[in-house]
Amino acid sequence: MWQVWLILAGIFLIIEIINFGFLIFWFSIGALVAMVSSFFTGNIIVQTTIFLVVSTLLLFLTKPFVDKMLPKDKIIKTNAYSIEGKIGKVISDIEPIEGKGQVKISGEVWSAKSSGDIYISKDTEVLIEKIDGVKVIVKPLV
């Protein structure tokens, strides 16, 4: 029976390599511990219980440590989304009713909407909150 646990451990490691989540690894360790237990007992229920208990304990006890060690999936804003959070200047009044208005951000001109459906006059500095389609959503800095 130890061969089955060894094969399972290998399969779990291959899945972990493909997955990159550092989650399936603990099942591989659990399978190895179950393999060692198979040398002492031939009872498949005991071996399976050992596999499940060890895998579960490792999963929950090491998760906080692993979360600290692995890099966070920070979303790096690129291209158009890199302007979110920047400050721009209104070059054409932003009128919520007509949906008109333009903002200049880092030398680029963008169509704009106000975030609270408020009127924002020309030459007002605004904060770019987000991008909605081809328009930026802004709010006045004041």
N, C-alpha and C. Protein backbone atom coordinates (compact mmCIF):
# COMPACT_ATOMS: atom_id res chain seq x y z
N MET A 1 0.82 -1.21 0.00
CA MET A 1 0.00 0.00 0.00
C MET A 1 0.86 1.27 0.00
N TRP A 2 2.09 1.14 0.45
CA TRP A 2 2.94 2.33 0.53
C TRP A 2 3.20 2.92 -0.85
N GLN A 3 3.16 2.08 -1.89
CA GLN A 3 3.40 2.57 -3.25
C GLN A 3 2.28 3.54 -3.68
N VAL A 4 1.06 3.21 -3.28
CA VAL A 4 -0.08 4.08 -3.63
C VAL A 4 0.09 5.45 -3.00
N TRP A 5 0.50 5.48 -1.72
CA TRP A 5 0.69 6.77 -1.05
C TRP A 5 1.84 7.55 -1.68
N LEU A 6 2.88 6.85 -2.10
CA LEU A 6 4.01 7.52 -2.75
C LEU A 6 3.58 8.11 -4.10
N ILE A 7 2.79 7.37 -4.84
CA ILE A 7 2.29 7.88 -6.13
C ILE A 7 1.37 9.08 -5.90
N LEU A 8 0.50 8.99 -4.90
CA LEU A 8 -0.38 10.13 -4.58
C LEU A 8 0.44 11.36 -4.19
N ALA A 9 1.49 11.16 -3.39
CA ALA A 9 2.35 12.28 -3.01
C ALA A 9 2.96 12.92 -4.25
N GLY A 10 3.41 12.10 -5.19
CA GLY A 10 3.97 12.63 -6.44
C GLY A 10 2.96 13.39 -7.26
N ILE A 11 1.76 12.84 -7.34
CA ILE A 11 0.69 13.51 -8.10
C ILE A 11 0.36 14.86 -7.47
N PHE A 12 0.27 14.88 -6.13
CA PHE A 12 -0.02 16.15 -5.45
C PHE A 12 1.10 17.16 -5.70
N LEU A 13 2.35 16.71 -5.71
CA LEU A 13 3.46 17.64 -5.99
C LEU A 13 3.40 18.18 -7.41
N ILE A 14 3.06 17.34 -8.36
CA ILE A 14 2.94 17.80 -9.75
C ILE A 14 1.82 18.83 -9.87
N ILE A 15 0.69 18.56 -9.22
CA ILE A 15 -0.42 19.52 -9.24
C ILE A 15 0.01 20.84 -8.60
N GLU A 16 0.78 20.75 -7.51
CA GLU A 16 1.26 21.96 -6.84
C GLU A 16 2.18 22.77 -7.75
N ILE A 17 3.03 22.10 -8.47
CA ILE A 17 3.94 22.80 -9.38
C ILE A 17 3.15 23.53 -10.46
N ILE A 18 2.10 22.93 -10.94
CA ILE A 18 1.26 23.55 -11.97
C ILE A 18 0.43 24.68 -11.38
N ASN A 19 0.00 24.52 -10.13
CA ASN A 19 -0.96 25.42 -9.51
C ASN A 19 -0.35 26.69 -8.94
N PHE A 20 0.82 26.66 -8.35
CA PHE A 20 1.49 27.80 -7.72
C PHE A 20 0.74 28.37 -6.52
N GLY A 21 -0.18 27.65 -5.93
CA GLY A 21 -0.95 28.22 -4.82
C GLY A 21 -0.44 27.84 -3.46
N PHE A 22 0.52 26.91 -3.38
CA PHE A 22 1.06 26.39 -2.13
C PHE A 22 -0.05 25.88 -1.23
N LEU A 23 -0.98 25.17 -1.83
CA LEU A 23 -2.10 24.59 -1.09
C LEU A 23 -2.05 23.07 -1.16
N ILE A 24 -1.83 22.53 -2.32
CA ILE A 24 -1.83 21.09 -2.55
C ILE A 24 -0.59 20.44 -1.94
N PHE A 25 0.44 21.21 -1.69
CA PHE A 25 1.68 20.71 -1.12
C PHE A 25 1.43 19.95 0.18
N TRP A 26 0.52 20.46 0.99
CA TRP A 26 0.26 19.83 2.29
C TRP A 26 -0.39 18.46 2.13
N PHE A 27 -1.13 18.26 1.05
CA PHE A 27 -1.70 16.94 0.79
C PHE A 27 -0.59 15.96 0.41
N SER A 28 0.43 16.48 -0.25
CA SER A 28 1.57 15.63 -0.59
C SER A 28 2.29 15.18 0.68
N ILE A 29 2.49 16.09 1.61
CA ILE A 29 3.13 15.74 2.89
C ILE A 29 2.25 14.75 3.65
N GLY A 30 0.94 14.98 3.65
CA GLY A 30 0.01 14.06 4.30
C GLY A 30 0.09 12.66 3.70
N ALA A 31 0.24 12.58 2.38
CA ALA A 31 0.36 11.28 1.72
C ALA A 31 1.67 10.60 2.12
N LEU A 32 2.73 11.37 2.28
CA LEU A 32 4.01 10.78 2.71
C LEU A 32 3.92 10.25 4.14
N VAL A 33 3.24 10.99 5.02
CA VAL A 33 3.06 10.51 6.40
C VAL A 33 2.19 9.26 6.40
N ALA A 34 1.16 9.24 5.57
CA ALA A 34 0.32 8.04 5.46
C ALA A 34 1.13 6.87 4.91
N MET A 35 2.08 7.16 4.01
CA MET A 35 2.94 6.10 3.48
C MET A 35 3.78 5.50 4.61
N VAL A 36 4.33 6.35 5.47
CA VAL A 36 5.12 5.85 6.61
C VAL A 36 4.23 5.02 7.53
N SER A 37 2.99 5.48 7.74
CA SER A 37 2.09 4.72 8.61
C SER A 37 1.72 3.37 8.01
N SER A 38 1.81 3.25 6.70
CA SER A 38 1.47 1.97 6.06
C SER A 38 2.49 0.89 6.39
N PHE A 39 3.69 1.28 6.82
CA PHE A 39 4.68 0.29 7.25
C PHE A 39 4.32 -0.32 8.60
N PHE A 40 3.50 0.39 9.37
CA PHE A 40 3.14 -0.07 10.71
C PHE A 40 1.75 -0.69 10.78
N THR A 41 0.87 -0.30 9.87
CA THR A 41 -0.48 -0.85 9.87
C THR A 41 -0.96 -1.07 8.44
N GLY A 42 -1.68 -2.12 8.25
CA GLY A 42 -2.22 -2.41 6.93
C GLY A 42 -3.65 -1.92 6.77
N ASN A 43 -4.19 -1.30 7.82
CA ASN A 43 -5.57 -0.84 7.81
C ASN A 43 -5.68 0.45 6.99
N ILE A 44 -6.40 0.38 5.87
CA ILE A 44 -6.53 1.52 4.97
C ILE A 44 -7.30 2.67 5.61
N ILE A 45 -8.23 2.35 6.50
CA ILE A 45 -9.00 3.41 7.17
C ILE A 45 -8.09 4.23 8.08
N VAL A 46 -7.20 3.57 8.81
CA VAL A 46 -6.25 4.28 9.68
C VAL A 46 -5.32 5.14 8.82
N GLN A 47 -4.83 4.58 7.74
CA GLN A 47 -3.92 5.33 6.86
C GLN A 47 -4.61 6.55 6.26
N THR A 48 -5.84 6.37 5.81
CA THR A 48 -6.59 7.48 5.22
C THR A 48 -6.89 8.55 6.27
N THR A 49 -7.22 8.12 7.48
CA THR A 49 -7.46 9.07 8.57
C THR A 49 -6.20 9.87 8.87
N ILE A 50 -5.07 9.18 8.92
CA ILE A 50 -3.79 9.87 9.16
C ILE A 50 -3.53 10.88 8.03
N PHE A 51 -3.76 10.47 6.80
CA PHE A 51 -3.58 11.38 5.67
C PHE A 51 -4.45 12.63 5.81
N LEU A 52 -5.73 12.44 6.11
CA LEU A 52 -6.64 13.58 6.21
C LEU A 52 -6.30 14.48 7.39
N VAL A 53 -5.98 13.88 8.54
CA VAL A 53 -5.67 14.68 9.73
C VAL A 53 -4.39 15.48 9.53
N VAL A 54 -3.34 14.83 9.04
CA VAL A 54 -2.07 15.53 8.84
C VAL A 54 -2.21 16.62 7.78
N SER A 55 -2.87 16.33 6.69
CA SER A 55 -3.05 17.33 5.62
C SER A 55 -3.84 18.54 6.13
N THR A 56 -4.91 18.27 6.85
CA THR A 56 -5.76 19.36 7.37
C THR A 56 -5.00 20.20 8.39
N LEU A 57 -4.31 19.54 9.31
CA LEU A 57 -3.55 20.28 10.31
C LEU A 57 -2.48 21.15 9.67
N LEU A 58 -1.72 20.56 8.73
CA LEU A 58 -0.69 21.35 8.06
C LEU A 58 -1.27 22.52 7.29
N LEU A 59 -2.39 22.28 6.66
CA LEU A 59 -3.04 23.33 5.88
C LEU A 59 -3.42 24.51 6.76
N PHE A 60 -4.08 24.25 7.88
CA PHE A 60 -4.58 25.33 8.72
C PHE A 60 -3.51 25.92 9.64
N LEU A 61 -2.55 25.12 10.08
CA LEU A 61 -1.53 25.64 10.98
C LEU A 61 -0.46 26.46 10.27
N THR A 62 -0.22 26.17 9.00
CA THR A 62 0.84 26.88 8.28
C THR A 62 0.32 28.00 7.39
N LYS A 63 -0.98 28.11 7.22
CA LYS A 63 -1.55 29.13 6.33
C LYS A 63 -1.13 30.55 6.71
N PRO A 64 -1.21 30.96 7.99
CA PRO A 64 -0.77 32.32 8.32
C PRO A 64 0.71 32.56 7.99
N PHE A 65 1.54 31.56 8.24
CA PHE A 65 2.96 31.70 7.94
C PHE A 65 3.20 31.81 6.43
N VAL A 66 2.53 30.98 5.68
CA VAL A 66 2.68 30.98 4.22
C VAL A 66 2.17 32.29 3.64
N ASP A 67 1.07 32.81 4.17
CA ASP A 67 0.54 34.08 3.67
C ASP A 67 1.53 35.22 3.86
N LYS A 68 2.31 35.17 4.95
CA LYS A 68 3.31 36.21 5.18
C LYS A 68 4.50 36.06 4.24
N MET A 69 4.85 34.82 3.91
CA MET A 69 6.04 34.57 3.12
C MET A 69 5.82 34.78 1.62
N LEU A 70 4.65 34.42 1.12
CA LEU A 70 4.40 34.55 -0.31
C LEU A 70 4.07 35.99 -0.66
N PRO A 71 4.52 36.44 -1.82
CA PRO A 71 4.19 37.81 -2.22
C PRO A 71 2.69 37.96 -2.47
N LYS A 72 2.19 39.07 -2.08
CA LYS A 72 0.78 39.35 -2.30
C LYS A 72 0.54 39.61 -3.78
N ASP A 73 -0.64 39.28 -4.21
CA ASP A 73 -0.99 39.52 -5.62
C ASP A 73 -1.41 40.98 -5.78
N LYS A 74 -0.43 41.83 -5.71
CA LYS A 74 -0.72 43.25 -5.90
C LYS A 74 -0.97 43.49 -7.37
N ILE A 75 -2.04 44.17 -7.63
CA ILE A 75 -2.35 44.50 -9.01
C ILE A 75 -1.60 45.78 -9.37
N ILE A 76 -0.72 45.64 -10.31
CA ILE A 76 0.03 46.80 -10.76
C ILE A 76 -0.76 47.44 -11.89
N LYS A 77 -1.14 48.66 -11.66
CA LYS A 77 -1.93 49.36 -12.66
C LYS A 77 -1.02 49.82 -13.79
N THR A 78 -1.40 49.44 -14.99
CA THR A 78 -0.62 49.80 -16.15
C THR A 78 -1.52 50.48 -17.17
N ASN A 79 -0.89 51.00 -18.17
CA ASN A 79 -1.58 51.65 -19.29
C ASN A 79 -2.56 52.69 -18.78
N ALA A 80 -3.78 52.64 -19.21
CA ALA A 80 -4.76 53.67 -18.86
C ALA A 80 -5.05 53.68 -17.36
N TYR A 81 -5.05 52.49 -16.74
CA TYR A 81 -5.41 52.42 -15.32
C TYR A 81 -4.35 53.02 -14.41
N SER A 82 -3.18 53.33 -14.95
CA SER A 82 -2.13 53.93 -14.14
C SER A 82 -2.45 55.37 -13.74
N ILE A 83 -3.45 55.97 -14.35
CA ILE A 83 -3.79 57.36 -14.00
C ILE A 83 -4.73 57.43 -12.80
N GLU A 84 -5.29 56.30 -12.37
CA GLU A 84 -6.18 56.32 -11.21
C GLU A 84 -5.40 56.81 -10.00
N GLY A 85 -5.99 57.75 -9.28
CA GLY A 85 -5.34 58.32 -8.10
C GLY A 85 -4.53 59.57 -8.40
N LYS A 86 -4.36 59.90 -9.67
CA LYS A 86 -3.60 61.09 -10.04
C LYS A 86 -4.51 62.32 -10.03
N ILE A 87 -3.87 63.45 -10.14
CA ILE A 87 -4.60 64.72 -10.15
C ILE A 87 -4.58 65.28 -11.57
N GLY A 88 -5.73 65.75 -11.99
CA GLY A 88 -5.86 66.34 -13.31
C GLY A 88 -6.49 67.71 -13.22
N LYS A 89 -6.61 68.36 -14.36
CA LYS A 89 -7.20 69.70 -14.41
C LYS A 89 -8.31 69.71 -15.44
N VAL A 90 -9.46 70.23 -15.05
CA VAL A 90 -10.61 70.30 -15.94
C VAL A 90 -10.32 71.34 -17.02
N ILE A 91 -10.44 70.92 -18.29
CA ILE A 91 -10.20 71.86 -19.39
C ILE A 91 -11.50 72.20 -20.11
N SER A 92 -12.55 71.44 -19.83
CA SER A 92 -13.88 71.72 -20.36
C SER A 92 -14.87 71.35 -19.27
N ASP A 93 -15.77 72.27 -18.93
CA ASP A 93 -16.69 72.04 -17.81
C ASP A 93 -17.30 70.64 -17.85
N ILE A 94 -17.36 70.02 -16.67
CA ILE A 94 -17.96 68.69 -16.56
C ILE A 94 -19.42 68.88 -16.18
N GLU A 95 -20.31 68.53 -17.10
CA GLU A 95 -21.74 68.71 -16.91
C GLU A 95 -22.39 67.33 -16.80
N PRO A 96 -22.91 66.98 -15.63
CA PRO A 96 -23.46 65.64 -15.43
C PRO A 96 -24.72 65.36 -16.25
N ILE A 97 -25.51 66.36 -16.52
CA ILE A 97 -26.77 66.14 -17.24
C ILE A 97 -26.49 65.82 -18.71
N GLU A 98 -25.61 66.58 -19.32
CA GLU A 98 -25.29 66.36 -20.73
C GLU A 98 -24.18 65.33 -20.92
N GLY A 99 -23.48 64.98 -19.87
CA GLY A 99 -22.40 63.99 -19.97
C GLY A 99 -21.19 64.51 -20.69
N LYS A 100 -20.97 65.81 -20.61
CA LYS A 100 -19.82 66.42 -21.28
C LYS A 100 -18.77 66.81 -20.25
N GLY A 101 -17.56 66.94 -20.74
CA GLY A 101 -16.48 67.41 -19.88
C GLY A 101 -15.18 66.73 -20.25
N GLN A 102 -14.09 67.47 -20.04
CA GLN A 102 -12.77 66.93 -20.33
C GLN A 102 -11.78 67.31 -19.25
N VAL A 103 -10.83 66.41 -19.06
CA VAL A 103 -9.80 66.61 -18.05
C VAL A 103 -8.45 66.34 -18.71
N LYS A 104 -7.46 67.12 -18.29
CA LYS A 104 -6.10 66.90 -18.77
C LYS A 104 -5.30 66.27 -17.63
N ILE A 105 -4.74 65.08 -17.93
CA ILE A 105 -3.99 64.33 -16.92
C ILE A 105 -2.65 63.96 -17.53
N SER A 106 -1.58 64.43 -16.94
CA SER A 106 -0.23 64.12 -17.42
C SER A 106 -0.08 64.35 -18.93
N GLY A 107 -0.64 65.45 -19.40
CA GLY A 107 -0.52 65.81 -20.81
C GLY A 107 -1.53 65.13 -21.72
N GLU A 108 -2.37 64.24 -21.20
CA GLU A 108 -3.37 63.57 -22.01
C GLU A 108 -4.75 64.14 -21.69
N VAL A 109 -5.58 64.23 -22.72
CA VAL A 109 -6.94 64.73 -22.54
C VAL A 109 -7.89 63.54 -22.49
N TRP A 110 -8.74 63.53 -21.46
CA TRP A 110 -9.71 62.45 -21.25
C TRP A 110 -11.11 63.03 -21.14
N SER A 111 -12.09 62.31 -21.66
CA SER A 111 -13.48 62.65 -21.39
C SER A 111 -13.72 62.31 -19.93
N ALA A 112 -14.59 63.10 -19.27
CA ALA A 112 -14.74 62.91 -17.84
C ALA A 112 -16.19 63.00 -17.39
N LYS A 113 -16.46 62.29 -16.29
CA LYS A 113 -17.74 62.37 -15.57
C LYS A 113 -17.40 62.66 -14.12
N SER A 114 -18.30 63.35 -13.44
CA SER A 114 -18.07 63.59 -12.02
C SER A 114 -18.65 62.44 -11.21
N SER A 115 -18.01 62.15 -10.08
CA SER A 115 -18.41 60.98 -9.30
C SER A 115 -19.72 61.19 -8.55
N GLY A 116 -20.09 62.38 -8.27
CA GLY A 116 -21.34 62.62 -7.55
C GLY A 116 -22.38 63.28 -8.41
N ASP A 117 -22.23 63.17 -9.72
CA ASP A 117 -23.10 63.86 -10.67
C ASP A 117 -23.22 65.33 -10.31
N ILE A 118 -22.06 65.94 -10.07
CA ILE A 118 -22.03 67.37 -9.76
C ILE A 118 -21.35 68.11 -10.92
N TYR A 119 -21.65 69.37 -11.02
CA TYR A 119 -21.05 70.23 -12.04
C TYR A 119 -19.66 70.64 -11.54
N ILE A 120 -18.66 70.50 -12.41
CA ILE A 120 -17.29 70.91 -12.06
C ILE A 120 -16.83 71.87 -13.15
N SER A 121 -16.44 73.07 -12.73
CA SER A 121 -16.09 74.10 -13.71
C SER A 121 -14.64 73.96 -14.19
N LYS A 122 -14.39 74.65 -15.29
CA LYS A 122 -13.08 74.64 -15.94
C LYS A 122 -12.01 75.14 -14.96
N ASP A 123 -10.78 74.63 -15.10
CA ASP A 123 -9.60 74.97 -14.31
C ASP A 123 -9.64 74.45 -12.87
N THR A 124 -10.61 73.59 -12.55
CA THR A 124 -10.66 72.99 -11.23
C THR A 124 -9.76 71.75 -11.22
N GLU A 125 -8.99 71.60 -10.14
CA GLU A 125 -8.18 70.40 -10.02
C GLU A 125 -9.06 69.27 -9.49
N VAL A 126 -8.89 68.09 -10.10
CA VAL A 126 -9.72 66.95 -9.73
C VAL A 126 -8.84 65.72 -9.48
N LEU A 127 -9.40 64.81 -8.70
CA LEU A 127 -8.75 63.53 -8.42
C LEU A 127 -9.41 62.47 -9.30
N ILE A 128 -8.59 61.70 -9.99
CA ILE A 128 -9.13 60.64 -10.85
C ILE A 128 -9.41 59.44 -9.97
N GLU A 129 -10.69 59.08 -9.81
CA GLU A 129 -11.07 57.97 -8.96
C GLU A 129 -10.97 56.63 -9.68
N LYS A 130 -11.48 56.58 -10.90
CA LYS A 130 -11.43 55.34 -11.66
C LYS A 130 -11.71 55.62 -13.12
N ILE A 131 -11.60 54.57 -13.91
CA ILE A 131 -11.90 54.68 -15.34
C ILE A 131 -13.15 53.86 -15.60
N ASP A 132 -14.09 54.45 -16.30
CA ASP A 132 -15.34 53.77 -16.67
C ASP A 132 -15.46 53.82 -18.18
N GLY A 133 -15.06 52.74 -18.83
CA GLY A 133 -15.07 52.71 -20.29
C GLY A 133 -13.97 53.61 -20.82
N VAL A 134 -14.37 54.67 -21.56
CA VAL A 134 -13.39 55.61 -22.10
C VAL A 134 -13.40 56.93 -21.35
N LYS A 135 -14.12 56.98 -20.23
CA LYS A 135 -14.19 58.21 -19.44
C LYS A 135 -13.59 57.98 -18.07
N VAL A 136 -13.00 59.06 -17.54
CA VAL A 136 -12.51 59.00 -16.16
C VAL A 136 -13.59 59.54 -15.24
N ILE A 137 -13.69 58.95 -14.07
CA ILE A 137 -14.61 59.43 -13.04
C ILE A 137 -13.76 60.26 -12.07
N VAL A 138 -14.17 61.50 -11.88
CA VAL A 138 -13.36 62.44 -11.09
C VAL A 138 -14.19 63.06 -9.98
N LYS A 139 -13.44 63.60 -9.01
CA LYS A 139 -14.09 64.42 -7.98
C LYS A 139 -13.19 65.60 -7.70
N PRO A 140 -13.77 66.74 -7.36
CA PRO A 140 -12.96 67.93 -7.11
C PRO A 140 -12.07 67.75 -5.88
N LEU A 141 -10.90 68.35 -5.91
CA LEU A 141 -9.99 68.25 -4.78
C LEU A 141 -10.40 69.11 -3.60
N VAL A 142 -11.20 70.11 -3.84
CA VAL A 142 -11.57 71.05 -2.79
C VAL A 142 -12.31 70.41 -1.67
